[in-house]
Amino acid sequence: MTIGELSARTGVSVRALRHYEQNGLIAAVRTTAGHRRFAPTAVEDVRRIRLFLDAGMPLAVVARVVECFVDDGVHLHACVADALREHLDVVQQRIDDLDDQRRTLNRLQELVAV
């Protein structure tokens, strides 16, 4: 399928798909005219990539773990556990920092003279 067809089937922009290809996350073969052609399995590959990216994981980490789905295509191999745990720790720290900021803003708001 063409990159435009892959984009339409996945809802991912052509630009993002090119970025995924440049980073080795999806593969395309080139026609003699230089056009990209993707296998039908690329739809599922992009869905998996988006799953990790939607969780906020960096592309470099996604490149390491996206191939870690087990044969059923639904479950992840245990090799992903550390990367997920590390990213969850980062997300939790951001949440904690935002909670601190909210508390400080609330205290500052109480100081506003009305």
PDB file of N, CA and C in Angstrom:
ATOM      1  N   MET A   1       0.838  -1.167   0.000  1.00  0.00           N
ATOM      2  CA  MET A   1       0.000   0.000   0.000  1.00  0.00           C
ATOM      3  C   MET A   1       0.888   1.237   0.000  1.00  0.00           C
ATOM      4  N   THR A   2       0.354   2.335  -0.487  1.00  0.00           N
ATOM      5  CA  THR A   2       1.105   3.587  -0.533  1.00  0.00           C
ATOM      6  C   THR A   2       1.134   4.228   0.847  1.00  0.00           C
ATOM      7  N   ILE A   3       1.977   5.221   0.993  1.00  0.00           N
ATOM      8  CA  ILE A   3       2.050   5.921   2.270  1.00  0.00           C
ATOM      9  C   ILE A   3       0.743   6.661   2.547  1.00  0.00           C
ATOM     10  N   GLY A   4       0.105   7.152   1.497  1.00  0.00           N
ATOM     11  CA  GLY A   4      -1.187   7.820   1.673  1.00  0.00           C
ATOM     12  C   GLY A   4      -2.259   6.859   2.152  1.00  0.00           C
ATOM     13  N   GLU A   5      -2.243   5.650   1.618  1.00  0.00           N
ATOM     14  CA  GLU A   5      -3.207   4.632   2.057  1.00  0.00           C
ATOM     15  C   GLU A   5      -2.942   4.231   3.501  1.00  0.00           C
ATOM     16  N   LEU A   6      -1.676   4.082   3.853  1.00  0.00           N
ATOM     17  CA  LEU A   6      -1.327   3.741   5.234  1.00  0.00           C
ATOM     18  C   LEU A   6      -1.767   4.860   6.176  1.00  0.00           C
ATOM     19  N   SER A   7      -1.571   6.081   5.752  1.00  0.00           N
ATOM     20  CA  SER A   7      -2.007   7.219   6.549  1.00  0.00           C
ATOM     21  C   SER A   7      -3.525   7.191   6.747  1.00  0.00           C
ATOM     22  N   ALA A   8      -4.254   6.934   5.686  1.00  0.00           N
ATOM     23  CA  ALA A   8      -5.718   6.904   5.772  1.00  0.00           C
ATOM     24  C   ALA A   8      -6.202   5.771   6.673  1.00  0.00           C
ATOM     25  N   ARG A   9      -5.542   4.636   6.606  1.00  0.00           N
ATOM     26  CA  ARG A   9      -5.965   3.475   7.405  1.00  0.00           C
ATOM     27  C   ARG A   9      -5.614   3.598   8.879  1.00  0.00           C
ATOM     28  N   THR A  10      -4.585   4.376   9.180  1.00  0.00           N
ATOM     29  CA  THR A  10      -4.135   4.464  10.569  1.00  0.00           C
ATOM     30  C   THR A  10      -4.472   5.793  11.235  1.00  0.00           C
ATOM     31  N   GLY A  11      -4.786   6.808  10.440  1.00  0.00           N
ATOM     32  CA  GLY A  11      -5.034   8.126  11.001  1.00  0.00           C
ATOM     33  C   GLY A  11      -3.756   8.853  11.398  1.00  0.00           C
ATOM     34  N   VAL A  12      -2.629   8.352  10.954  1.00  0.00           N
ATOM     35  CA  VAL A  12      -1.324   8.949  11.253  1.00  0.00           C
ATOM     36  C   VAL A  12      -0.871   9.723  10.017  1.00  0.00           C
ATOM     37  N   SER A  13      -0.348  10.908  10.227  1.00  0.00           N
ATOM     38  CA  SER A  13       0.034  11.751   9.094  1.00  0.00           C
ATOM     39  C   SER A  13       1.151  11.113   8.272  1.00  0.00           C
ATOM     40  N   VAL A  14       1.201  11.486   7.016  1.00  0.00           N
ATOM     41  CA  VAL A  14       2.258  11.020   6.124  1.00  0.00           C
ATOM     42  C   VAL A  14       3.615  11.439   6.676  1.00  0.00           C
ATOM     43  N   ARG A  15       3.687  12.639   7.191  1.00  0.00           N
ATOM     44  CA  ARG A  15       4.949  13.126   7.757  1.00  0.00           C
ATOM     45  C   ARG A  15       5.409  12.236   8.912  1.00  0.00           C
ATOM     46  N   ALA A  16       4.477  11.872   9.802  1.00  0.00           N
ATOM     47  CA  ALA A  16       4.840  11.006  10.928  1.00  0.00           C
ATOM     48  C   ALA A  16       5.277   9.630  10.424  1.00  0.00           C
ATOM     49  N   LEU A  17       4.589   9.109   9.429  1.00  0.00           N
ATOM     50  CA  LEU A  17       4.965   7.794   8.878  1.00  0.00           C
ATOM     51  C   LEU A  17       6.372   7.838   8.293  1.00  0.00           C
ATOM     52  N   ARG A  18       6.709   8.909   7.607  1.00  0.00           N
ATOM     53  CA  ARG A  18       8.078   9.044   7.081  1.00  0.00           C
ATOM     54  C   ARG A  18       9.084   9.072   8.232  1.00  0.00           C
ATOM     55  N   HIS A  19       8.714   9.771   9.304  1.00  0.00           N
ATOM     56  CA  HIS A  19       9.586   9.842  10.491  1.00  0.00           C
ATOM     57  C   HIS A  19       9.778   8.448  11.095  1.00  0.00           C
ATOM     58  N   TYR A  20       8.698   7.690  11.203  1.00  0.00           N
ATOM     59  CA  TYR A  20       8.801   6.324  11.730  1.00  0.00           C
ATOM     60  C   TYR A  20       9.724   5.493  10.846  1.00  0.00           C
ATOM     61  N   GLU A  21       9.582   5.643   9.541  1.00  0.00           N
ATOM     62  CA  GLU A  21      10.429   4.880   8.617  1.00  0.00           C
ATOM     63  C   GLU A  21      11.892   5.285   8.775  1.00  0.00           C
ATOM     64  N   GLN A  22      12.164   6.581   8.859  1.00  0.00           N
ATOM     65  CA  GLN A  22      13.541   7.058   9.011  1.00  0.00           C
ATOM     66  C   GLN A  22      14.186   6.547  10.294  1.00  0.00           C
ATOM     67  N   ASN A  23      13.357   6.287  11.305  1.00  0.00           N
ATOM     68  CA  ASN A  23      13.864   5.792  12.583  1.00  0.00           C
ATOM     69  C   ASN A  23      13.804   4.272  12.694  1.00  0.00           C
ATOM     70  N   GLY A  24      13.508   3.614  11.600  1.00  0.00           N
ATOM     71  CA  GLY A  24      13.536   2.156  11.559  1.00  0.00           C
ATOM     72  C   GLY A  24      12.358   1.467  12.222  1.00  0.00           C
ATOM     73  N   LEU A  25      11.269   2.201  12.475  1.00  0.00           N
ATOM     74  CA  LEU A  25      10.112   1.607  13.138  1.00  0.00           C
ATOM     75  C   LEU A  25       9.192   0.872  12.167  1.00  0.00           C
ATOM     76  N   ILE A  26       9.146   1.337  10.937  1.00  0.00           N
ATOM     77  CA  ILE A  26       8.382   0.644   9.894  1.00  0.00           C
ATOM     78  C   ILE A  26       9.261   0.568   8.655  1.00  0.00           C
ATOM     79  N   ALA A  27       8.971  -0.407   7.827  1.00  0.00           N
ATOM     80  CA  ALA A  27       9.791  -0.615   6.634  1.00  0.00           C
ATOM     81  C   ALA A  27       8.943  -0.460   5.382  1.00  0.00           C
ATOM     82  N   ALA A  28       9.554   0.098   4.366  1.00  0.00           N
ATOM     83  CA  ALA A  28       8.903   0.235   3.069  1.00  0.00           C
ATOM     84  C   ALA A  28       9.887  -0.228   2.008  1.00  0.00           C
ATOM     85  N   VAL A  29       9.336  -0.736   0.952  1.00  0.00           N
ATOM     86  CA  VAL A  29      10.158  -1.012  -0.225  1.00  0.00           C
ATOM     87  C   VAL A  29       9.896   0.108  -1.219  1.00  0.00           C
ATOM     88  N   ARG A  30      10.856   0.370  -2.056  1.00  0.00           N
ATOM     89  CA  ARG A  30      10.722   1.444  -3.032  1.00  0.00           C
ATOM     90  C   ARG A  30      10.439   0.862  -4.410  1.00  0.00           C
ATOM     91  N   THR A  31       9.519   1.522  -5.099  1.00  0.00           N
ATOM     92  CA  THR A  31       9.249   1.134  -6.481  1.00  0.00           C
ATOM     93  C   THR A  31      10.379   1.682  -7.345  1.00  0.00           C
ATOM     94  N   THR A  32      10.399   1.319  -8.612  1.00  0.00           N
ATOM     95  CA  THR A  32      11.432   1.836  -9.515  1.00  0.00           C
ATOM     96  C   THR A  32      11.331   3.352  -9.642  1.00  0.00           C
ATOM     97  N   ALA A  33      10.135   3.887  -9.393  1.00  0.00           N
ATOM     98  CA  ALA A  33       9.949   5.332  -9.435  1.00  0.00           C
ATOM     99  C   ALA A  33      10.287   5.987  -8.094  1.00  0.00           C
ATOM    100  N   GLY A  34      10.673   5.196  -7.097  1.00  0.00           N
ATOM    101  CA  GLY A  34      11.070   5.726  -5.804  1.00  0.00           C
ATOM    102  C   GLY A  34       9.946   5.896  -4.808  1.00  0.00           C
ATOM    103  N   HIS A  35       8.741   5.436  -5.152  1.00  0.00           N
ATOM    104  CA  HIS A  35       7.610   5.554  -4.237  1.00  0.00           C
ATOM    105  C   HIS A  35       7.665   4.462  -3.177  1.00  0.00           C
ATOM    106  N   ARG A  36       7.224   4.809  -1.965  1.00  0.00           N
ATOM    107  CA  ARG A  36       7.198   3.835  -0.872  1.00  0.00           C
ATOM    108  C   ARG A  36       6.005   2.902  -1.049  1.00  0.00           C
ATOM    109  N   ARG A  37       6.218   1.644  -0.701  1.00  0.00           N
ATOM    110  CA  ARG A  37       5.129   0.666  -0.637  1.00  0.00           C
ATOM    111  C   ARG A  37       5.281  -0.080   0.674  1.00  0.00           C
ATOM    112  N   PHE A  38       4.169  -0.145   1.403  1.00  0.00           N
ATOM    113  CA  PHE A  38       4.158  -0.796   2.707  1.00  0.00           C
ATOM    114  C   PHE A  38       3.359  -2.087   2.641  1.00  0.00           C
ATOM    115  N   ALA A  39       3.786  -3.052   3.427  1.00  0.00           N
ATOM    116  CA  ALA A  39       3.060  -4.323   3.528  1.00  0.00           C
ATOM    117  C   ALA A  39       1.773  -4.095   4.312  1.00  0.00           C
ATOM    118  N   PRO A  40       0.782  -4.947   4.116  1.00  0.00           N
ATOM    119  CA  PRO A  40      -0.466  -4.823   4.888  1.00  0.00           C
ATOM    120  C   PRO A  40      -0.239  -4.863   6.399  1.00  0.00           C
ATOM    121  N   THR A  41       0.808  -5.530   6.838  1.00  0.00           N
ATOM    122  CA  THR A  41       1.105  -5.614   8.275  1.00  0.00           C
ATOM    123  C   THR A  41       1.547  -4.274   8.863  1.00  0.00           C
ATOM    124  N   ALA A  42       1.857  -3.310   8.007  1.00  0.00           N
ATOM    125  CA  ALA A  42       2.292  -1.995   8.495  1.00  0.00           C
ATOM    126  C   ALA A  42       1.186  -1.298   9.279  1.00  0.00           C
ATOM    127  N   VAL A  43      -0.068  -1.605   8.974  1.00  0.00           N
ATOM    128  CA  VAL A  43      -1.181  -0.999   9.712  1.00  0.00           C
ATOM    129  C   VAL A  43      -1.084  -1.377  11.185  1.00  0.00           C
ATOM    130  N   GLU A  44      -0.865  -2.642  11.454  1.00  0.00           N
ATOM    131  CA  GLU A  44      -0.735  -3.096  12.842  1.00  0.00           C
ATOM    132  C   GLU A  44       0.553  -2.569  13.463  1.00  0.00           C
ATOM    133  N   ASP A  45       1.621  -2.491  12.691  1.00  0.00           N
ATOM    134  CA  ASP A  45       2.878  -1.940  13.206  1.00  0.00           C
ATOM    135  C   ASP A  45       2.682  -0.502  13.670  1.00  0.00           C
ATOM    136  N   VAL A  46       1.990   0.292  12.863  1.00  0.00           N
ATOM    137  CA  VAL A  46       1.744   1.693  13.215  1.00  0.00           C
ATOM    138  C   VAL A  46       0.842   1.778  14.441  1.00  0.00           C
ATOM    139  N   ARG A  47      -0.158   0.909  14.528  1.00  0.00           N
ATOM    140  CA  ARG A  47      -1.035   0.901  15.700  1.00  0.00           C
ATOM    141  C   ARG A  47      -0.224   0.647  16.963  1.00  0.00           C
ATOM    142  N   ARG A  48       0.712  -0.271  16.900  1.00  0.00           N
ATOM    143  CA  ARG A  48       1.552  -0.578  18.062  1.00  0.00           C
ATOM    144  C   ARG A  48       2.472   0.589  18.411  1.00  0.00           C
ATOM    145  N   ILE A  49       3.050   1.193  17.397  1.00  0.00           N
ATOM    146  CA  ILE A  49       3.910   2.358  17.620  1.00  0.00           C
ATOM    147  C   ILE A  49       3.118   3.457  18.311  1.00  0.00           C
ATOM    148  N   ARG A  50       1.920   3.723  17.807  1.00  0.00           N
ATOM    149  CA  ARG A  50       1.075   4.778  18.379  1.00  0.00           C
ATOM    150  C   ARG A  50       0.696   4.470  19.824  1.00  0.00           C
ATOM    151  N   LEU A  51       0.511   3.213  20.143  1.00  0.00           N
ATOM    152  CA  LEU A  51       0.178   2.823  21.507  1.00  0.00           C
ATOM    153  C   LEU A  51       1.263   3.286  22.473  1.00  0.00           C
ATOM    154  N   PHE A  52       2.508   3.033  22.119  1.00  0.00           N
ATOM    155  CA  PHE A  52       3.622   3.460  22.967  1.00  0.00           C
ATOM    156  C   PHE A  52       3.778   4.977  22.961  1.00  0.00           C
ATOM    157  N   LEU A  53       3.674   5.594  21.795  1.00  0.00           N
ATOM    158  CA  LEU A  53       3.820   7.047  21.724  1.00  0.00           C
ATOM    159  C   LEU A  53       2.699   7.750  22.467  1.00  0.00           C
ATOM    160  N   ASP A  54       1.491   7.221  22.404  1.00  0.00           N
ATOM    161  CA  ASP A  54       0.374   7.813  23.138  1.00  0.00           C
ATOM    162  C   ASP A  54       0.578   7.719  24.643  1.00  0.00           C
ATOM    163  N   ALA A  55       1.400   6.765  25.063  1.00  0.00           N
ATOM    164  CA  ALA A  55       1.749   6.651  26.481  1.00  0.00           C
ATOM    165  C   ALA A  55       2.871   7.621  26.842  1.00  0.00           C
ATOM    166  N   GLY A  56       3.343   8.383  25.843  1.00  0.00           N
ATOM    167  CA  GLY A  56       4.377   9.384  26.089  1.00  0.00           C
ATOM    168  C   GLY A  56       5.790   8.859  26.052  1.00  0.00           C
ATOM    169  N   MET A  57       5.960   7.637  25.577  1.00  0.00           N
ATOM    170  CA  MET A  57       7.303   7.071  25.549  1.00  0.00           C
ATOM    171  C   MET A  57       8.115   7.701  24.417  1.00  0.00           C
ATOM    172  N   PRO A  58       9.393   7.959  24.662  1.00  0.00           N
ATOM    173  CA  PRO A  58      10.251   8.545  23.624  1.00  0.00           C
ATOM    174  C   PRO A  58      10.431   7.584  22.444  1.00  0.00           C
ATOM    175  N   LEU A  59      10.591   8.145  21.266  1.00  0.00           N
ATOM    176  CA  LEU A  59      10.721   7.344  20.058  1.00  0.00           C
ATOM    177  C   LEU A  59      11.881   6.354  20.142  1.00  0.00           C
ATOM    178  N   ALA A  60      12.972   6.760  20.766  1.00  0.00           N
ATOM    179  CA  ALA A  60      14.127   5.849  20.899  1.00  0.00           C
ATOM    180  C   ALA A  60      13.757   4.613  21.714  1.00  0.00           C
ATOM    181  N   VAL A  61      12.937   4.783  22.736  1.00  0.00           N
ATOM    182  CA  VAL A  61      12.491   3.645  23.548  1.00  0.00           C
ATOM    183  C   VAL A  61      11.497   2.809  22.744  1.00  0.00           C
ATOM    184  N   VAL A  62      10.604   3.482  22.042  1.00  0.00           N
ATOM    185  CA  VAL A  62       9.620   2.760  21.222  1.00  0.00           C
ATOM    186  C   VAL A  62      10.340   1.874  20.227  1.00  0.00           C
ATOM    187  N   ALA A  63      11.397   2.365  19.626  1.00  0.00           N
ATOM    188  CA  ALA A  63      12.159   1.577  18.654  1.00  0.00           C
ATOM    189  C   ALA A  63      12.703   0.295  19.272  1.00  0.00           C
ATOM    190  N   ARG A  64      13.029   0.349  20.563  1.00  0.00           N
ATOM    191  CA  ARG A  64      13.555  -0.844  21.240  1.00  0.00           C
ATOM    192  C   ARG A  64      12.470  -1.836  21.620  1.00  0.00           C
ATOM    193  N   VAL A  65      11.272  -1.349  21.954  1.00  0.00           N
ATOM    194  CA  VAL A  65      10.268  -2.240  22.551  1.00  0.00           C
ATOM    195  C   VAL A  65       9.112  -2.612  21.617  1.00  0.00           C
ATOM    196  N   VAL A  66       8.985  -1.933  20.498  1.00  0.00           N
ATOM    197  CA  VAL A  66       7.815  -2.168  19.649  1.00  0.00           C
ATOM    198  C   VAL A  66       7.786  -3.596  19.086  1.00  0.00           C
ATOM    199  N   GLU A  67       8.906  -4.227  18.994  1.00  0.00           N
ATOM    200  CA  GLU A  67       8.968  -5.600  18.478  1.00  0.00           C
ATOM    201  C   GLU A  67       8.730  -6.642  19.572  1.00  0.00           C
ATOM    202  N   CYS A  68       8.398  -6.201  20.767  1.00  0.00           N
ATOM    203  CA  CYS A  68       8.296  -7.109  21.905  1.00  0.00           C
ATOM    204  C   CYS A  68       6.893  -7.653  22.157  1.00  0.00           C
ATOM    205  N   PHE A  69       6.023  -7.572  21.180  1.00  0.00           N
ATOM    206  CA  PHE A  69       4.731  -8.221  21.323  1.00  0.00           C
ATOM    207  C   PHE A  69       4.925  -9.717  21.127  1.00  0.00           C
ATOM    208  N   VAL A  70       4.229 -10.514  21.934  1.00  0.00           N
ATOM    209  CA  VAL A  70       4.344 -11.964  21.791  1.00  0.00           C
ATOM    210  C   VAL A  70       3.521 -12.422  20.589  1.00  0.00           C
ATOM    211  N   ASP A  71       3.586 -13.691  20.295  1.00  0.00           N
ATOM    212  CA  ASP A  71       2.984 -14.241  19.082  1.00  0.00           C
ATOM    213  C   ASP A  71       1.512 -13.914  18.902  1.00  0.00           C
ATOM    214  N   ASP A  72       0.767 -13.750  19.988  1.00  0.00           N
ATOM    215  CA  ASP A  72      -0.654 -13.445  19.837  1.00  0.00           C
ATOM    216  C   ASP A  72      -0.887 -12.018  19.359  1.00  0.00           C
ATOM    217  N   GLY A  73       0.159 -11.180  19.385  1.00  0.00           N
ATOM    218  CA  GLY A  73       0.055  -9.816  18.910  1.00  0.00           C
ATOM    219  C   GLY A  73      -0.642  -8.863  19.859  1.00  0.00           C
ATOM    220  N   VAL A  74      -1.076  -9.371  20.998  1.00  0.00           N
ATOM    221  CA  VAL A  74      -1.817  -8.550  21.950  1.00  0.00           C
ATOM    222  C   VAL A  74      -0.987  -8.287  23.198  1.00  0.00           C
ATOM    223  N   HIS A  75      -0.313  -9.287  23.686  1.00  0.00           N
ATOM    224  CA  HIS A  75       0.443  -9.180  24.932  1.00  0.00           C
ATOM    225  C   HIS A  75       1.893  -8.817  24.657  1.00  0.00           C
ATOM    226  N   LEU A  76       2.504  -8.211  25.665  1.00  0.00           N
ATOM    227  CA  LEU A  76       3.901  -7.813  25.552  1.00  0.00           C
ATOM    228  C   LEU A  76       4.802  -8.800  26.259  1.00  0.00           C
ATOM    229  N   HIS A  77       5.971  -8.999  25.712  1.00  0.00           N
ATOM    230  CA  HIS A  77       6.987  -9.843  26.316  1.00  0.00           C
ATOM    231  C   HIS A  77       7.507  -9.150  27.575  1.00  0.00           C
ATOM    232  N   ALA A  78       7.974  -9.926  28.511  1.00  0.00           N
ATOM    233  CA  ALA A  78       8.468  -9.394  29.784  1.00  0.00           C
ATOM    234  C   ALA A  78       9.645  -8.438  29.610  1.00  0.00           C
ATOM    235  N   CYS A  79      10.324  -8.497  28.474  1.00  0.00           N
ATOM    236  CA  CYS A  79      11.477  -7.609  28.239  1.00  0.00           C
ATOM    237  C   CYS A  79      11.079  -6.136  28.230  1.00  0.00           C
ATOM    238  N   VAL A  80       9.800  -5.847  28.089  1.00  0.00           N
ATOM    239  CA  VAL A  80       9.312  -4.470  28.040  1.00  0.00           C
ATOM    240  C   VAL A  80       9.071  -3.916  29.441  1.00  0.00           C
ATOM    241  N   ALA A  81       8.976  -4.776  30.419  1.00  0.00           N
ATOM    242  CA  ALA A  81       8.583  -4.369  31.775  1.00  0.00           C
ATOM    243  C   ALA A  81       9.465  -3.252  32.333  1.00  0.00           C
ATOM    244  N   ASP A  82      10.778  -3.355  32.184  1.00  0.00           N
ATOM    245  CA  ASP A  82      11.676  -2.337  32.736  1.00  0.00           C
ATOM    246  C   ASP A  82      11.455  -0.979  32.075  1.00  0.00           C
ATOM    247  N   ALA A  83      11.321  -0.972  30.750  1.00  0.00           N
ATOM    248  CA  ALA A  83      11.104   0.290  30.030  1.00  0.00           C
ATOM    249  C   ALA A  83       9.783   0.923  30.452  1.00  0.00           C
ATOM    250  N   LEU A  84       8.756   0.110  30.609  1.00  0.00           N
ATOM    251  CA  LEU A  84       7.457   0.637  31.037  1.00  0.00           C
ATOM    252  C   LEU A  84       7.531   1.191  32.454  1.00  0.00           C
ATOM    253  N   ARG A  85       8.174   0.456  33.335  1.00  0.00           N
ATOM    254  CA  ARG A  85       8.306   0.886  34.732  1.00  0.00           C
ATOM    255  C   ARG A  85       9.103   2.194  34.825  1.00  0.00           C
ATOM    256  N   GLU A  86      10.190   2.278  34.063  1.00  0.00           N
ATOM    257  CA  GLU A  86      11.007   3.495  34.073  1.00  0.00           C
ATOM    258  C   GLU A  86      10.194   4.687  33.571  1.00  0.00           C
ATOM    259  N   HIS A  87       9.447   4.486  32.495  1.00  0.00           N
ATOM    260  CA  HIS A  87       8.653   5.593  31.967  1.00  0.00           C
ATOM    261  C   HIS A  87       7.526   5.964  32.928  1.00  0.00           C
ATOM    262  N   LEU A  88       6.937   4.983  33.557  1.00  0.00           N
ATOM    263  CA  LEU A  88       5.893   5.259  34.540  1.00  0.00           C
ATOM    264  C   LEU A  88       6.455   6.078  35.700  1.00  0.00           C
ATOM    265  N   ASP A  89       7.669   5.783  36.116  1.00  0.00           N
ATOM    266  CA  ASP A  89       8.312   6.572  37.168  1.00  0.00           C
ATOM    267  C   ASP A  89       8.493   8.029  36.733  1.00  0.00           C
ATOM    268  N   VAL A  90       8.890   8.229  35.487  1.00  0.00           N
ATOM    269  CA  VAL A  90       9.064   9.585  34.957  1.00  0.00           C
ATOM    270  C   VAL A  90       7.721  10.319  34.936  1.00  0.00           C
ATOM    271  N   VAL A  91       6.682   9.636  34.470  1.00  0.00           N
ATOM    272  CA  VAL A  91       5.348  10.242  34.422  1.00  0.00           C
ATOM    273  C   VAL A  91       4.867  10.576  35.831  1.00  0.00           C
ATOM    274  N   GLN A  92       5.070   9.671  36.771  1.00  0.00           N
ATOM    275  CA  GLN A  92       4.648   9.920  38.153  1.00  0.00           C
ATOM    276  C   GLN A  92       5.369  11.123  38.741  1.00  0.00           C
ATOM    277  N   GLN A  93       6.647  11.263  38.436  1.00  0.00           N
ATOM    278  CA  GLN A  93       7.398  12.421  38.925  1.00  0.00           C
ATOM    279  C   GLN A  93       6.827  13.713  38.348  1.00  0.00           C
ATOM    280  N   ARG A  94       6.463  13.691  37.068  1.00  0.00           N
ATOM    281  CA  ARG A  94       5.851  14.882  36.456  1.00  0.00           C
ATOM    282  C   ARG A  94       4.527  15.216  37.130  1.00  0.00           C
ATOM    283  N   ILE A  95       3.736  14.193  37.436  1.00  0.00           N
ATOM    284  CA  ILE A  95       2.456  14.403  38.129  1.00  0.00           C
ATOM    285  C   ILE A  95       2.694  15.015  39.502  1.00  0.00           C
ATOM    286  N   ASP A  96       3.670  14.469  40.222  1.00  0.00           N
ATOM    287  CA  ASP A  96       3.994  15.002  41.545  1.00  0.00           C
ATOM    288  C   ASP A  96       4.430  16.461  41.453  1.00  0.00           C
ATOM    289  N   ASP A  97       5.261  16.776  40.460  1.00  0.00           N
ATOM    290  CA  ASP A  97       5.707  18.163  40.271  1.00  0.00           C
ATOM    291  C   ASP A  97       4.531  19.081  39.961  1.00  0.00           C
ATOM    292  N   LEU A  98       3.619  18.621  39.123  1.00  0.00           N
ATOM    293  CA  LEU A  98       2.436  19.433  38.794  1.00  0.00           C
ATOM    294  C   LEU A  98       1.533  19.614  40.009  1.00  0.00           C
ATOM    295  N   ASP A  99       1.416  18.573  40.826  1.00  0.00           N
ATOM    296  CA  ASP A  99       0.639  18.710  42.069  1.00  0.00           C
ATOM    297  C   ASP A  99       1.253  19.779  42.972  1.00  0.00           C
ATOM    298  N   ASP A 100       2.578  19.781  43.078  1.00  0.00           N
ATOM    299  CA  ASP A 100       3.266  20.805  43.872  1.00  0.00           C
ATOM    300  C   ASP A 100       2.993  22.201  43.310  1.00  0.00           C
ATOM    301  N   GLN A 101       3.056  22.324  42.004  1.00  0.00           N
ATOM    302  CA  GLN A 101       2.790  23.620  41.370  1.00  0.00           C
ATOM    303  C   GLN A 101       1.354  24.071  41.642  1.00  0.00           C
ATOM    304  N   ARG A 102       0.415  23.142  41.567  1.00  0.00           N
ATOM    305  CA  ARG A 102      -0.985  23.486  41.824  1.00  0.00           C
ATOM    306  C   ARG A 102      -1.165  23.970  43.263  1.00  0.00           C
ATOM    307  N   ARG A 103      -0.557  23.273  44.204  1.00  0.00           N
ATOM    308  CA  ARG A 103      -0.662  23.686  45.605  1.00  0.00           C
ATOM    309  C   ARG A 103      -0.082  25.087  45.802  1.00  0.00           C
ATOM    310  N   THR A 104       1.046  25.351  45.184  1.00  0.00           N
ATOM    311  CA  THR A 104       1.662  26.677  45.305  1.00  0.00           C
ATOM    312  C   THR A 104       0.773  27.738  44.667  1.00  0.00           C
ATOM    313  N   LEU A 105       0.217  27.440  43.510  1.00  0.00           N
ATOM    314  CA  LEU A 105      -0.691  28.399  42.868  1.00  0.00           C
ATOM    315  C   LEU A 105      -1.927  28.663  43.718  1.00  0.00           C
ATOM    316  N   ASN A 106      -2.456  27.618  44.328  1.00  0.00           N
ATOM    317  CA  ASN A 106      -3.614  27.803  45.216  1.00  0.00           C
ATOM    318  C   ASN A 106      -3.261  28.697  46.400  1.00  0.00           C
ATOM    319  N   ARG A 107      -2.055  28.495  46.982  1.00  0.00           N
ATOM    320  CA  ARG A 107      -1.623  29.350  48.090  1.00  0.00           C
ATOM    321  C   ARG A 107      -1.462  30.796  47.625  1.00  0.00           C
ATOM    322  N   LEU A 108      -0.902  30.978  46.443  1.00  0.00           N
ATOM    323  CA  LEU A 108      -0.725  32.327  45.904  1.00  0.00           C
ATOM    324  C   LEU A 108      -2.081  32.980  45.629  1.00  0.00           C
ATOM    325  N   GLN A 109      -3.006  32.190  45.151  1.00  0.00           N
ATOM    326  CA  GLN A 109      -4.340  32.712  44.850  1.00  0.00           C
ATOM    327  C   GLN A 109      -5.016  33.223  46.119  1.00  0.00           C
ATOM    328  N   GLU A 110      -4.754  32.559  47.229  1.00  0.00           N
ATOM    329  CA  GLU A 110      -5.320  32.989  48.502  1.00  0.00           C
ATOM    330  C   GLU A 110      -4.778  34.333  48.952  1.00  0.00           C
ATOM    331  N   LEU A 111      -3.628  34.735  48.432  1.00  0.00           N
ATOM    332  CA  LEU A 111      -2.996  35.999  48.799  1.00  0.00           C
ATOM    333  C   LEU A 111      -3.504  37.173  47.978  1.00  0.00           C
ATOM    334  N   VAL A 112      -4.289  36.874  46.948  1.00  0.00           N
ATOM    335  CA  VAL A 112      -4.797  37.934  46.081  1.00  0.00           C
ATOM    336  C   VAL A 112      -5.838  38.739  46.830  1.00  0.00           C
ATOM    337  N   ALA A 113      -5.626  40.059  46.889  1.00  0.00           N
ATOM    338  CA  ALA A 113      -6.590  40.946  47.553  1.00  0.00           C
ATOM    339  C   ALA A 113      -7.761  41.196  46.613  1.00  0.00           C
ATOM    340  N   VAL A 114      -8.938  41.011  47.143  1.00  0.00           N
ATOM    341  CA  VAL A 114     -10.131  41.195  46.317  1.00  0.00           C
ATOM    342  C   VAL A 114     -10.799  42.508  46.651  1.00  0.00           C
TER     343      VAL A 114
END
